[in-house]
Amino acid sequence: MAQPKMHIRVESNRFPDLINKAPDRARELVKKAAYELEARAKTEVPVDTGNLRNSIRTSFENDGLTGIVSTNVEYAAYVEFGTVKMAAQPYMTPAAEQVRRSFERAVKDELIKL
């Protein structure tokens, strides 16, 4: 059976403007948002053994302009989205939604400063 994959994107329509005008500041905002997402996901995730919570990690690509919060636990997506035998217990989606709002505000505030 193929492992389910989960992809949640947190972005702002104005982020490309910030990258062009202040790339270092853009990297700082991505870093802050990614670590905040990791922390919130770890708070939201249901815990049985702690394996899923402990597997949530942050990494970066694209010269620090892309933050990736992920887990390598094969049942992570089943917990997030549920199965026919198990109700969903979302942890990453609610965390991403909270971080999305704060990320968008931060990008907007930075652009005003420039």
PDB file of N, CA and C in Angstrom:
ATOM      1  N   MET A   1       0.841  -1.184   0.000  1.00  0.00           N
ATOM      2  CA  MET A   1       0.000   0.000   0.000  1.00  0.00           C
ATOM      3  C   MET A   1       0.885   1.246   0.000  1.00  0.00           C
ATOM      4  N   ALA A   2       0.577   2.183  -0.853  1.00  0.00           N
ATOM      5  CA  ALA A   2       1.351   3.429  -0.934  1.00  0.00           C
ATOM      6  C   ALA A   2       1.088   4.288   0.295  1.00  0.00           C
ATOM      7  N   GLN A   3       2.126   4.951   0.756  1.00  0.00           N
ATOM      8  CA  GLN A   3       1.974   5.840   1.895  1.00  0.00           C
ATOM      9  C   GLN A   3       1.236   7.095   1.472  1.00  0.00           C
ATOM     10  N   PRO A   4       0.261   7.536   2.281  1.00  0.00           N
ATOM     11  CA  PRO A   4      -0.412   8.783   1.953  1.00  0.00           C
ATOM     12  C   PRO A   4       0.547   9.947   2.146  1.00  0.00           C
ATOM     13  N   LYS A   5       0.359  10.994   1.364  1.00  0.00           N
ATOM     14  CA  LYS A   5       1.205  12.175   1.486  1.00  0.00           C
ATOM     15  C   LYS A   5       0.333  13.360   1.836  1.00  0.00           C
ATOM     16  N   MET A   6       0.912  14.259   2.580  1.00  0.00           N
ATOM     17  CA  MET A   6       0.196  15.434   3.017  1.00  0.00           C
ATOM     18  C   MET A   6       0.992  16.644   2.587  1.00  0.00           C
ATOM     19  N   HIS A   7       0.314  17.620   1.996  1.00  0.00           N
ATOM     20  CA  HIS A   7       0.976  18.832   1.550  1.00  0.00           C
ATOM     21  C   HIS A   7       0.088  20.010   1.927  1.00  0.00           C
ATOM     22  N   ILE A   8       0.578  20.868   2.784  1.00  0.00           N
ATOM     23  CA  ILE A   8      -0.141  22.058   3.190  1.00  0.00           C
ATOM     24  C   ILE A   8       0.754  23.245   2.892  1.00  0.00           C
ATOM     25  N   ARG A   9       0.218  24.218   2.187  1.00  0.00           N
ATOM     26  CA  ARG A   9       1.012  25.377   1.785  1.00  0.00           C
ATOM     27  C   ARG A   9       0.545  26.599   2.561  1.00  0.00           C
ATOM     28  N   VAL A  10       1.498  27.309   3.152  1.00  0.00           N
ATOM     29  CA  VAL A  10       1.236  28.588   3.812  1.00  0.00           C
ATOM     30  C   VAL A  10       1.950  29.648   2.994  1.00  0.00           C
ATOM     31  N   GLU A  11       1.190  30.566   2.424  1.00  0.00           N
ATOM     32  CA  GLU A  11       1.821  31.575   1.585  1.00  0.00           C
ATOM     33  C   GLU A  11       1.050  32.883   1.652  1.00  0.00           C
ATOM     34  N   SER A  12       1.661  33.896   1.143  1.00  0.00           N
ATOM     35  CA  SER A  12       1.053  35.218   1.041  1.00  0.00           C
ATOM     36  C   SER A  12       1.239  35.707  -0.386  1.00  0.00           C
ATOM     37  N   ASN A  13       0.219  36.310  -0.952  1.00  0.00           N
ATOM     38  CA  ASN A  13       0.317  36.826  -2.319  1.00  0.00           C
ATOM     39  C   ASN A  13       1.360  37.925  -2.434  1.00  0.00           C
ATOM     40  N   ARG A  14       1.682  38.570  -1.327  1.00  0.00           N
ATOM     41  CA  ARG A  14       2.628  39.680  -1.356  1.00  0.00           C
ATOM     42  C   ARG A  14       4.049  39.242  -1.022  1.00  0.00           C
ATOM     43  N   PHE A  15       4.243  37.967  -0.714  1.00  0.00           N
ATOM     44  CA  PHE A  15       5.567  37.479  -0.343  1.00  0.00           C
ATOM     45  C   PHE A  15       6.601  37.690  -1.450  1.00  0.00           C
ATOM     46  N   PRO A  16       6.264  37.471  -2.728  1.00  0.00           N
ATOM     47  CA  PRO A  16       7.263  37.738  -3.785  1.00  0.00           C
ATOM     48  C   PRO A  16       7.773  39.186  -3.762  1.00  0.00           C
ATOM     49  N   ASP A  17       6.900  40.130  -3.423  1.00  0.00           N
ATOM     50  CA  ASP A  17       7.342  41.524  -3.313  1.00  0.00           C
ATOM     51  C   ASP A  17       8.394  41.669  -2.218  1.00  0.00           C
ATOM     52  N   LEU A  18       8.158  41.009  -1.088  1.00  0.00           N
ATOM     53  CA  LEU A  18       9.111  41.083   0.011  1.00  0.00           C
ATOM     54  C   LEU A  18      10.428  40.408  -0.356  1.00  0.00           C
ATOM     55  N   ILE A  19      10.381  39.288  -1.060  1.00  0.00           N
ATOM     56  CA  ILE A  19      11.603  38.601  -1.493  1.00  0.00           C
ATOM     57  C   ILE A  19      12.446  39.536  -2.357  1.00  0.00           C
ATOM     58  N   ASN A  20      11.793  40.249  -3.262  1.00  0.00           N
ATOM     59  CA  ASN A  20      12.517  41.152  -4.162  1.00  0.00           C
ATOM     60  C   ASN A  20      13.117  42.342  -3.428  1.00  0.00           C
ATOM     61  N   LYS A  21      12.411  42.863  -2.438  1.00  0.00           N
ATOM     62  CA  LYS A  21      12.858  44.079  -1.764  1.00  0.00           C
ATOM     63  C   LYS A  21      13.750  43.805  -0.554  1.00  0.00           C
ATOM     64  N   ALA A  22      13.503  42.711   0.151  1.00  0.00           N
ATOM     65  CA  ALA A  22      14.257  42.413   1.375  1.00  0.00           C
ATOM     66  C   ALA A  22      14.365  40.905   1.570  1.00  0.00           C
ATOM     67  N   PRO A  23      15.218  40.249   0.777  1.00  0.00           N
ATOM     68  CA  PRO A  23      15.290  38.786   0.849  1.00  0.00           C
ATOM     69  C   PRO A  23      15.710  38.240   2.214  1.00  0.00           C
ATOM     70  N   ASP A  24      16.598  38.931   2.921  1.00  0.00           N
ATOM     71  CA  ASP A  24      17.010  38.446   4.239  1.00  0.00           C
ATOM     72  C   ASP A  24      15.852  38.485   5.225  1.00  0.00           C
ATOM     73  N   ARG A  25      15.073  39.545   5.157  1.00  0.00           N
ATOM     74  CA  ARG A  25      13.909  39.656   6.040  1.00  0.00           C
ATOM     75  C   ARG A  25      12.872  38.598   5.670  1.00  0.00           C
ATOM     76  N   ALA A  26      12.717  38.320   4.377  1.00  0.00           N
ATOM     77  CA  ALA A  26      11.792  37.276   3.931  1.00  0.00           C
ATOM     78  C   ALA A  26      12.200  35.920   4.514  1.00  0.00           C
ATOM     79  N   ARG A  27      13.498  35.631   4.498  1.00  0.00           N
ATOM     80  CA  ARG A  27      13.997  34.370   5.071  1.00  0.00           C
ATOM     81  C   ARG A  27      13.688  34.295   6.574  1.00  0.00           C
ATOM     82  N   GLU A  28      13.865  35.404   7.264  1.00  0.00           N
ATOM     83  CA  GLU A  28      13.572  35.439   8.705  1.00  0.00           C
ATOM     84  C   GLU A  28      12.093  35.142   8.964  1.00  0.00           C
ATOM     85  N   LEU A  29      11.211  35.711   8.155  1.00  0.00           N
ATOM     86  CA  LEU A  29       9.775  35.472   8.344  1.00  0.00           C
ATOM     87  C   LEU A  29       9.414  34.021   8.045  1.00  0.00           C
ATOM     88  N   VAL A  30      10.037  33.440   7.021  1.00  0.00           N
ATOM     89  CA  VAL A  30       9.787  32.029   6.706  1.00  0.00           C
ATOM     90  C   VAL A  30      10.263  31.150   7.859  1.00  0.00           C
ATOM     91  N   LYS A  31      11.440  31.434   8.368  1.00  0.00           N
ATOM     92  CA  LYS A  31      11.988  30.653   9.476  1.00  0.00           C
ATOM     93  C   LYS A  31      11.074  30.727  10.698  1.00  0.00           C
ATOM     94  N   LYS A  32      10.647  31.934  11.034  1.00  0.00           N
ATOM     95  CA  LYS A  32       9.767  32.119  12.184  1.00  0.00           C
ATOM     96  C   LYS A  32       8.457  31.362  11.985  1.00  0.00           C
ATOM     97  N   ALA A  33       7.854  31.493  10.807  1.00  0.00           N
ATOM     98  CA  ALA A  33       6.580  30.830  10.541  1.00  0.00           C
ATOM     99  C   ALA A  33       6.723  29.311  10.569  1.00  0.00           C
ATOM    100  N   ALA A  34       7.797  28.787   9.997  1.00  0.00           N
ATOM    101  CA  ALA A  34       7.992  27.335   9.963  1.00  0.00           C
ATOM    102  C   ALA A  34       8.155  26.766  11.368  1.00  0.00           C
ATOM    103  N   TYR A  35       8.961  27.414  12.193  1.00  0.00           N
ATOM    104  CA  TYR A  35       9.140  26.915  13.563  1.00  0.00           C
ATOM    105  C   TYR A  35       7.876  27.089  14.397  1.00  0.00           C
ATOM    106  N   GLU A  36       7.116  28.143  14.117  1.00  0.00           N
ATOM    107  CA  GLU A  36       5.837  28.322  14.806  1.00  0.00           C
ATOM    108  C   GLU A  36       4.859  27.224  14.398  1.00  0.00           C
ATOM    109  N   LEU A  37       4.847  26.885  13.114  1.00  0.00           N
ATOM    110  CA  LEU A  37       3.986  25.800  12.638  1.00  0.00           C
ATOM    111  C   LEU A  37       4.379  24.480  13.303  1.00  0.00           C
ATOM    112  N   GLU A  38       5.663  24.210  13.374  1.00  0.00           N
ATOM    113  CA  GLU A  38       6.119  22.981  14.043  1.00  0.00           C
ATOM    114  C   GLU A  38       5.638  22.939  15.494  1.00  0.00           C
ATOM    115  N   ALA A  39       5.810  24.038  16.211  1.00  0.00           N
ATOM    116  CA  ALA A  39       5.414  24.085  17.622  1.00  0.00           C
ATOM    117  C   ALA A  39       3.906  23.907  17.786  1.00  0.00           C
ATOM    118  N   ARG A  40       3.132  24.579  16.958  1.00  0.00           N
ATOM    119  CA  ARG A  40       1.671  24.462  17.045  1.00  0.00           C
ATOM    120  C   ARG A  40       1.207  23.049  16.681  1.00  0.00           C
ATOM    121  N   ALA A  41       1.800  22.459  15.658  1.00  0.00           N
ATOM    122  CA  ALA A  41       1.425  21.100  15.264  1.00  0.00           C
ATOM    123  C   ALA A  41       1.718  20.125  16.407  1.00  0.00           C
ATOM    124  N   LYS A  42       2.847  20.310  17.068  1.00  0.00           N
ATOM    125  CA  LYS A  42       3.187  19.435  18.191  1.00  0.00           C
ATOM    126  C   LYS A  42       2.224  19.617  19.356  1.00  0.00           C
ATOM    127  N   THR A  43       1.663  20.805  19.487  1.00  0.00           N
ATOM    128  CA  THR A  43       0.674  21.053  20.542  1.00  0.00           C
ATOM    129  C   THR A  43      -0.670  20.440  20.173  1.00  0.00           C
ATOM    130  N   GLU A  44      -1.031  20.489  18.897  1.00  0.00           N
ATOM    131  CA  GLU A  44      -2.338  20.026  18.414  1.00  0.00           C
ATOM    132  C   GLU A  44      -2.425  18.511  18.204  1.00  0.00           C
ATOM    133  N   VAL A  45      -1.303  17.864  17.886  1.00  0.00           N
ATOM    134  CA  VAL A  45      -1.330  16.452  17.500  1.00  0.00           C
ATOM    135  C   VAL A  45      -1.802  15.579  18.678  1.00  0.00           C
ATOM    136  N   PRO A  46      -2.703  14.624  18.397  1.00  0.00           N
ATOM    137  CA  PRO A  46      -3.101  13.697  19.458  1.00  0.00           C
ATOM    138  C   PRO A  46      -1.920  12.798  19.831  1.00  0.00           C
ATOM    139  N   VAL A  47      -1.799  12.510  21.100  1.00  0.00           N
ATOM    140  CA  VAL A  47      -0.647  11.736  21.571  1.00  0.00           C
ATOM    141  C   VAL A  47      -1.109  10.418  22.185  1.00  0.00           C
ATOM    142  N   ASP A  48      -0.538   9.356  21.666  1.00  0.00           N
ATOM    143  CA  ASP A  48      -0.725   8.036  22.261  1.00  0.00           C
ATOM    144  C   ASP A  48       0.638   7.605  22.801  1.00  0.00           C
ATOM    145  N   THR A  49       1.571   7.363  21.900  1.00  0.00           N
ATOM    146  CA  THR A  49       2.926   6.982  22.319  1.00  0.00           C
ATOM    147  C   THR A  49       3.885   8.170  22.290  1.00  0.00           C
ATOM    148  N   GLY A  50       3.513   9.229  21.585  1.00  0.00           N
ATOM    149  CA  GLY A  50       4.400  10.381  21.414  1.00  0.00           C
ATOM    150  C   GLY A  50       5.257  10.286  20.168  1.00  0.00           C
ATOM    151  N   ASN A  51       5.184   9.160  19.468  1.00  0.00           N
ATOM    152  CA  ASN A  51       6.004   8.959  18.274  1.00  0.00           C
ATOM    153  C   ASN A  51       5.701   9.994  17.189  1.00  0.00           C
ATOM    154  N   LEU A  52       4.415  10.233  16.923  1.00  0.00           N
ATOM    155  CA  LEU A  52       4.045  11.190  15.878  1.00  0.00           C
ATOM    156  C   LEU A  52       4.485  12.600  16.269  1.00  0.00           C
ATOM    157  N   ARG A  53       4.207  12.997  17.484  1.00  0.00           N
ATOM    158  CA  ARG A  53       4.599  14.343  17.936  1.00  0.00           C
ATOM    159  C   ARG A  53       6.112  14.530  17.838  1.00  0.00           C
ATOM    160  N   ASN A  54       6.867  13.553  18.277  1.00  0.00           N
ATOM    161  CA  ASN A  54       8.324  13.658  18.264  1.00  0.00           C
ATOM    162  C   ASN A  54       8.929  13.618  16.864  1.00  0.00           C
ATOM    163  N   SER A  55       8.137  13.170  15.888  1.00  0.00           N
ATOM    164  CA  SER A  55       8.655  13.071  14.519  1.00  0.00           C
ATOM    165  C   SER A  55       8.454  14.354  13.706  1.00  0.00           C
ATOM    166  N   ILE A  56       7.700  15.298  14.216  1.00  0.00           N
ATOM    167  CA  ILE A  56       7.428  16.531  13.469  1.00  0.00           C
ATOM    168  C   ILE A  56       8.693  17.382  13.481  1.00  0.00           C
ATOM    169  N   ARG A  57       9.185  17.698  12.282  1.00  0.00           N
ATOM    170  CA  ARG A  57      10.451  18.413  12.121  1.00  0.00           C
ATOM    171  C   ARG A  57      10.326  19.514  11.081  1.00  0.00           C
ATOM    172  N   THR A  58      11.245  20.482  11.160  1.00  0.00           N
ATOM    173  CA  THR A  58      11.293  21.588  10.212  1.00  0.00           C
ATOM    174  C   THR A  58      12.596  21.536   9.437  1.00  0.00           C
ATOM    175  N   SER A  59      12.485  21.784   8.136  1.00  0.00           N
ATOM    176  CA  SER A  59      13.665  21.908   7.281  1.00  0.00           C
ATOM    177  C   SER A  59      13.411  23.057   6.313  1.00  0.00           C
ATOM    178  N   PHE A  60      14.462  23.439   5.591  1.00  0.00           N
ATOM    179  CA  PHE A  60      14.357  24.583   4.691  1.00  0.00           C
ATOM    180  C   PHE A  60      14.957  24.247   3.334  1.00  0.00           C
ATOM    181  N   GLU A  61      14.368  24.842   2.300  1.00  0.00           N
ATOM    182  CA  GLU A  61      14.852  24.714   0.928  1.00  0.00           C
ATOM    183  C   GLU A  61      14.829  26.095   0.282  1.00  0.00           C
ATOM    184  N   ASN A  62      15.255  26.137  -0.969  1.00  0.00           N
ATOM    185  CA  ASN A  62      15.170  27.362  -1.753  1.00  0.00           C
ATOM    186  C   ASN A  62      15.892  28.516  -1.049  1.00  0.00           C
ATOM    187  N   ASP A  63      17.093  28.225  -0.558  1.00  0.00           N
ATOM    188  CA  ASP A  63      17.906  29.241   0.110  1.00  0.00           C
ATOM    189  C   ASP A  63      17.192  29.858   1.307  1.00  0.00           C
ATOM    190  N   GLY A  64      16.410  29.043   2.012  1.00  0.00           N
ATOM    191  CA  GLY A  64      15.724  29.512   3.207  1.00  0.00           C
ATOM    192  C   GLY A  64      14.400  30.192   2.943  1.00  0.00           C
ATOM    193  N   LEU A  65      13.956  30.225   1.693  1.00  0.00           N
ATOM    194  CA  LEU A  65      12.693  30.878   1.372  1.00  0.00           C
ATOM    195  C   LEU A  65      11.510  29.911   1.369  1.00  0.00           C
ATOM    196  N   THR A  66      11.783  28.631   1.586  1.00  0.00           N
ATOM    197  CA  THR A  66      10.745  27.616   1.704  1.00  0.00           C
ATOM    198  C   THR A  66      10.986  26.839   2.987  1.00  0.00           C
ATOM    199  N   GLY A  67      10.008  26.849   3.863  1.00  0.00           N
ATOM    200  CA  GLY A  67      10.074  26.072   5.097  1.00  0.00           C
ATOM    201  C   GLY A  67       9.193  24.846   4.962  1.00  0.00           C
ATOM    202  N   ILE A  68       9.680  23.713   5.416  1.00  0.00           N
ATOM    203  CA  ILE A  68       8.943  22.458   5.313  1.00  0.00           C
ATOM    204  C   ILE A  68       8.796  21.868   6.708  1.00  0.00           C
ATOM    205  N   VAL A  69       7.574  21.702   7.133  1.00  0.00           N
ATOM    206  CA  VAL A  69       7.283  21.054   8.407  1.00  0.00           C
ATOM    207  C   VAL A  69       6.679  19.711   8.053  1.00  0.00           C
ATOM    208  N   SER A  70       7.328  18.643   8.470  1.00  0.00           N
ATOM    209  CA  SER A  70       6.900  17.316   8.037  1.00  0.00           C
ATOM    210  C   SER A  70       7.123  16.285   9.132  1.00  0.00           C
ATOM    211  N   THR A  71       6.656  15.089   8.826  1.00  0.00           N
ATOM    212  CA  THR A  71       6.859  13.935   9.691  1.00  0.00           C
ATOM    213  C   THR A  71       7.145  12.734   8.802  1.00  0.00           C
ATOM    214  N   ASN A  72       7.915  11.815   9.306  1.00  0.00           N
ATOM    215  CA  ASN A  72       8.201  10.604   8.539  1.00  0.00           C
ATOM    216  C   ASN A  72       7.408   9.397   9.046  1.00  0.00           C
ATOM    217  N   VAL A  73       6.452   9.640   9.921  1.00  0.00           N
ATOM    218  CA  VAL A  73       5.634   8.559  10.460  1.00  0.00           C
ATOM    219  C   VAL A  73       4.573   8.184   9.431  1.00  0.00           C
ATOM    220  N   GLU A  74       4.502   6.901   9.097  1.00  0.00           N
ATOM    221  CA  GLU A  74       3.634   6.458   8.004  1.00  0.00           C
ATOM    222  C   GLU A  74       2.152   6.693   8.271  1.00  0.00           C
ATOM    223  N   TYR A  75       1.735   6.812   9.517  1.00  0.00           N
ATOM    224  CA  TYR A  75       0.310   6.986   9.805  1.00  0.00           C
ATOM    225  C   TYR A  75      -0.081   8.452  10.037  1.00  0.00           C
ATOM    226  N   ALA A  76       0.835   9.384   9.800  1.00  0.00           N
ATOM    227  CA  ALA A  76       0.562  10.803  10.056  1.00  0.00           C
ATOM    228  C   ALA A  76      -0.655  11.311   9.286  1.00  0.00           C
ATOM    229  N   ALA A  77      -0.745  10.998   8.015  1.00  0.00           N
ATOM    230  CA  ALA A  77      -1.880  11.466   7.210  1.00  0.00           C
ATOM    231  C   ALA A  77      -3.180  10.802   7.634  1.00  0.00           C
ATOM    232  N   TYR A  78      -3.116   9.557   8.108  1.00  0.00           N
ATOM    233  CA  TYR A  78      -4.326   8.892   8.588  1.00  0.00           C
ATOM    234  C   TYR A  78      -4.879   9.624   9.804  1.00  0.00           C
ATOM    235  N   VAL A  79      -3.991  10.054  10.687  1.00  0.00           N
ATOM    236  CA  VAL A  79      -4.430  10.807  11.865  1.00  0.00           C
ATOM    237  C   VAL A  79      -5.030  12.141  11.427  1.00  0.00           C
ATOM    238  N   GLU A  80      -4.350  12.827  10.522  1.00  0.00           N
ATOM    239  CA  GLU A  80      -4.801  14.149  10.055  1.00  0.00           C
ATOM    240  C   GLU A  80      -6.151  14.083   9.346  1.00  0.00           C
ATOM    241  N   PHE A  81      -6.304  13.140   8.430  1.00  0.00           N
ATOM    242  CA  PHE A  81      -7.483  13.109   7.564  1.00  0.00           C
ATOM    243  C   PHE A  81      -8.475  11.998   7.886  1.00  0.00           C
ATOM    244  N   GLY A  82      -8.081  11.054   8.725  1.00  0.00           N
ATOM    245  CA  GLY A  82      -8.960   9.953   9.079  1.00  0.00           C
ATOM    246  C   GLY A  82      -8.948   8.851   8.031  1.00  0.00           C
ATOM    247  N   THR A  83      -9.667   7.800   8.343  1.00  0.00           N
ATOM    248  CA  THR A  83      -9.839   6.664   7.433  1.00  0.00           C
ATOM    249  C   THR A  83     -11.303   6.254   7.505  1.00  0.00           C
ATOM    250  N   VAL A  84     -11.670   5.226   6.783  1.00  0.00           N
ATOM    251  CA  VAL A  84     -13.054   4.749   6.877  1.00  0.00           C
ATOM    252  C   VAL A  84     -13.347   4.164   8.255  1.00  0.00           C
ATOM    253  N   LYS A  85     -12.291   3.803   8.980  1.00  0.00           N
ATOM    254  CA  LYS A  85     -12.470   3.202  10.303  1.00  0.00           C
ATOM    255  C   LYS A  85     -12.097   4.140  11.450  1.00  0.00           C
ATOM    256  N   MET A  86     -11.562   5.315  11.124  1.00  0.00           N
ATOM    257  CA  MET A  86     -11.073   6.215  12.176  1.00  0.00           C
ATOM    258  C   MET A  86     -11.393   7.663  11.803  1.00  0.00           C
ATOM    259  N   ALA A  87     -11.939   8.386  12.748  1.00  0.00           N
ATOM    260  CA  ALA A  87     -12.244   9.804  12.504  1.00  0.00           C
ATOM    261  C   ALA A  87     -10.953  10.607  12.394  1.00  0.00           C
ATOM    262  N   ALA A  88     -11.007  11.657  11.602  1.00  0.00           N
ATOM    263  CA  ALA A  88      -9.858  12.556  11.463  1.00  0.00           C
ATOM    264  C   ALA A  88      -9.596  13.266  12.787  1.00  0.00           C
ATOM    265  N   GLN A  89      -8.316  13.491  13.056  1.00  0.00           N
ATOM    266  CA  GLN A  89      -7.887  14.256  14.231  1.00  0.00           C
ATOM    267  C   GLN A  89      -6.870  15.287  13.742  1.00  0.00           C
ATOM    268  N   PRO A  90      -7.350  16.310  13.029  1.00  0.00           N
ATOM    269  CA  PRO A  90      -6.438  17.260  12.395  1.00  0.00           C
ATOM    270  C   PRO A  90      -5.522  17.959  13.393  1.00  0.00           C
ATOM    271  N   TYR A  91      -4.284  18.057  13.043  1.00  0.00           N
ATOM    272  CA  TYR A  91      -3.297  18.761  13.864  1.00  0.00           C
ATOM    273  C   TYR A  91      -2.466  19.706  13.005  1.00  0.00           C
ATOM    274  N   MET A  92      -2.106  19.288  11.792  1.00  0.00           N
ATOM    275  CA  MET A  92      -1.271  20.116  10.928  1.00  0.00           C
ATOM    276  C   MET A  92      -2.102  21.210  10.253  1.00  0.00           C
ATOM    277  N   THR A  93      -3.279  20.870   9.783  1.00  0.00           N
ATOM    278  CA  THR A  93      -4.121  21.856   9.101  1.00  0.00           C
ATOM    279  C   THR A  93      -4.516  23.010  10.017  1.00  0.00           C
ATOM    280  N   PRO A  94      -5.011  22.764  11.232  1.00  0.00           N
ATOM    281  CA  PRO A  94      -5.339  23.896  12.108  1.00  0.00           C
ATOM    282  C   PRO A  94      -4.109  24.735  12.461  1.00  0.00           C
ATOM    283  N   ALA A  95      -2.986  24.077  12.668  1.00  0.00           N
ATOM    284  CA  ALA A  95      -1.752  24.809  12.974  1.00  0.00           C
ATOM    285  C   ALA A  95      -1.342  25.672  11.789  1.00  0.00           C
ATOM    286  N   ALA A  96      -1.430  25.128  10.582  1.00  0.00           N
ATOM    287  CA  ALA A  96      -1.061  25.879   9.380  1.00  0.00           C
ATOM    288  C   ALA A  96      -1.984  27.073   9.176  1.00  0.00           C
ATOM    289  N   GLU A  97      -3.251  26.905   9.455  1.00  0.00           N
ATOM    290  CA  GLU A  97      -4.197  28.013   9.290  1.00  0.00           C
ATOM    291  C   GLU A  97      -3.876  29.147  10.262  1.00  0.00           C
ATOM    292  N   GLN A  98      -3.537  28.815  11.486  1.00  0.00           N
ATOM    293  CA  GLN A  98      -3.162  29.851  12.455  1.00  0.00           C
ATOM    294  C   GLN A  98      -1.899  30.575  12.013  1.00  0.00           C
ATOM    295  N   VAL A  99      -0.922  29.831  11.569  1.00  0.00           N
ATOM    296  CA  VAL A  99       0.348  30.422  11.145  1.00  0.00           C
ATOM    297  C   VAL A  99       0.165  31.225   9.860  1.00  0.00           C
ATOM    298  N   ARG A 100      -0.687  30.766   8.964  1.00  0.00           N
ATOM    299  CA  ARG A 100      -0.933  31.495   7.718  1.00  0.00           C
ATOM    300  C   ARG A 100      -1.374  32.928   8.003  1.00  0.00           C
ATOM    301  N   ARG A 101      -2.304  33.083   8.916  1.00  0.00           N
ATOM    302  CA  ARG A 101      -2.807  34.427   9.236  1.00  0.00           C
ATOM    303  C   ARG A 101      -1.694  35.317   9.790  1.00  0.00           C
ATOM    304  N   SER A 102      -0.900  34.793  10.706  1.00  0.00           N
ATOM    305  CA  SER A 102       0.172  35.609  11.280  1.00  0.00           C
ATOM    306  C   SER A 102       1.276  35.880  10.251  1.00  0.00           C
ATOM    307  N   PHE A 103       1.546  34.923   9.366  1.00  0.00           N
ATOM    308  CA  PHE A 103       2.543  35.108   8.319  1.00  0.00           C
ATOM    309  C   PHE A 103       2.103  36.206   7.347  1.00  0.00           C
ATOM    310  N   GLU A 104       0.852  36.152   6.934  1.00  0.00           N
ATOM    311  CA  GLU A 104       0.344  37.181   6.023  1.00  0.00           C
ATOM    312  C   GLU A 104       0.440  38.576   6.650  1.00  0.00           C
ATOM    313  N   ARG A 105       0.077  38.682   7.935  1.00  0.00           N
ATOM    314  CA  ARG A 105       0.188  39.974   8.631  1.00  0.00           C
ATOM    315  C   ARG A 105       1.630  40.444   8.687  1.00  0.00           C
ATOM    316  N   ALA A 106       2.542  39.547   8.990  1.00  0.00           N
ATOM    317  CA  ALA A 106       3.957  39.903   9.094  1.00  0.00           C
ATOM    318  C   ALA A 106       4.507  40.378   7.757  1.00  0.00           C
ATOM    319  N   VAL A 107       4.142  39.707   6.669  1.00  0.00           N
ATOM    320  CA  VAL A 107       4.585  40.123   5.332  1.00  0.00           C
ATOM    321  C   VAL A 107       4.041  41.509   5.019  1.00  0.00           C
ATOM    322  N   LYS A 108       2.777  41.709   5.283  1.00  0.00           N
ATOM    323  CA  LYS A 108       2.157  43.019   5.023  1.00  0.00           C
ATOM    324  C   LYS A 108       2.850  44.107   5.842  1.00  0.00           C
ATOM    325  N   ASP A 109       3.093  43.850   7.115  1.00  0.00           N
ATOM    326  CA  ASP A 109       3.753  44.837   7.988  1.00  0.00           C
ATOM    327  C   ASP A 109       5.159  45.158   7.489  1.00  0.00           C
ATOM    328  N   GLU A 110       5.885  44.148   7.049  1.00  0.00           N
ATOM    329  CA  GLU A 110       7.240  44.372   6.532  1.00  0.00           C
ATOM    330  C   GLU A 110       7.227  45.226   5.272  1.00  0.00           C
ATOM    331  N   LEU A 111       6.290  44.955   4.388  1.00  0.00           N
ATOM    332  CA  LEU A 111       6.207  45.724   3.154  1.00  0.00           C
ATOM    333  C   LEU A 111       5.859  47.189   3.428  1.00  0.00           C
ATOM    334  N   ILE A 112       5.063  47.428   4.442  1.00  0.00           N
ATOM    335  CA  ILE A 112       4.739  48.808   4.817  1.00  0.00           C
ATOM    336  C   ILE A 112       5.978  49.538   5.292  1.00  0.00           C
ATOM    337  N   LYS A 113       6.865  48.835   5.990  1.00  0.00           N
ATOM    338  CA  LYS A 113       8.093  49.431   6.517  1.00  0.00           C
ATOM    339  C   LYS A 113       9.081  49.812   5.409  1.00  0.00           C
ATOM    340  N   LEU A 114       9.023  49.105   4.298  1.00  0.00           N
ATOM    341  CA  LEU A 114      10.002  49.315   3.222  1.00  0.00           C
ATOM    342  C   LEU A 114       9.739  50.580   2.433  1.00  0.00           C
TER     343      LEU A 114
END
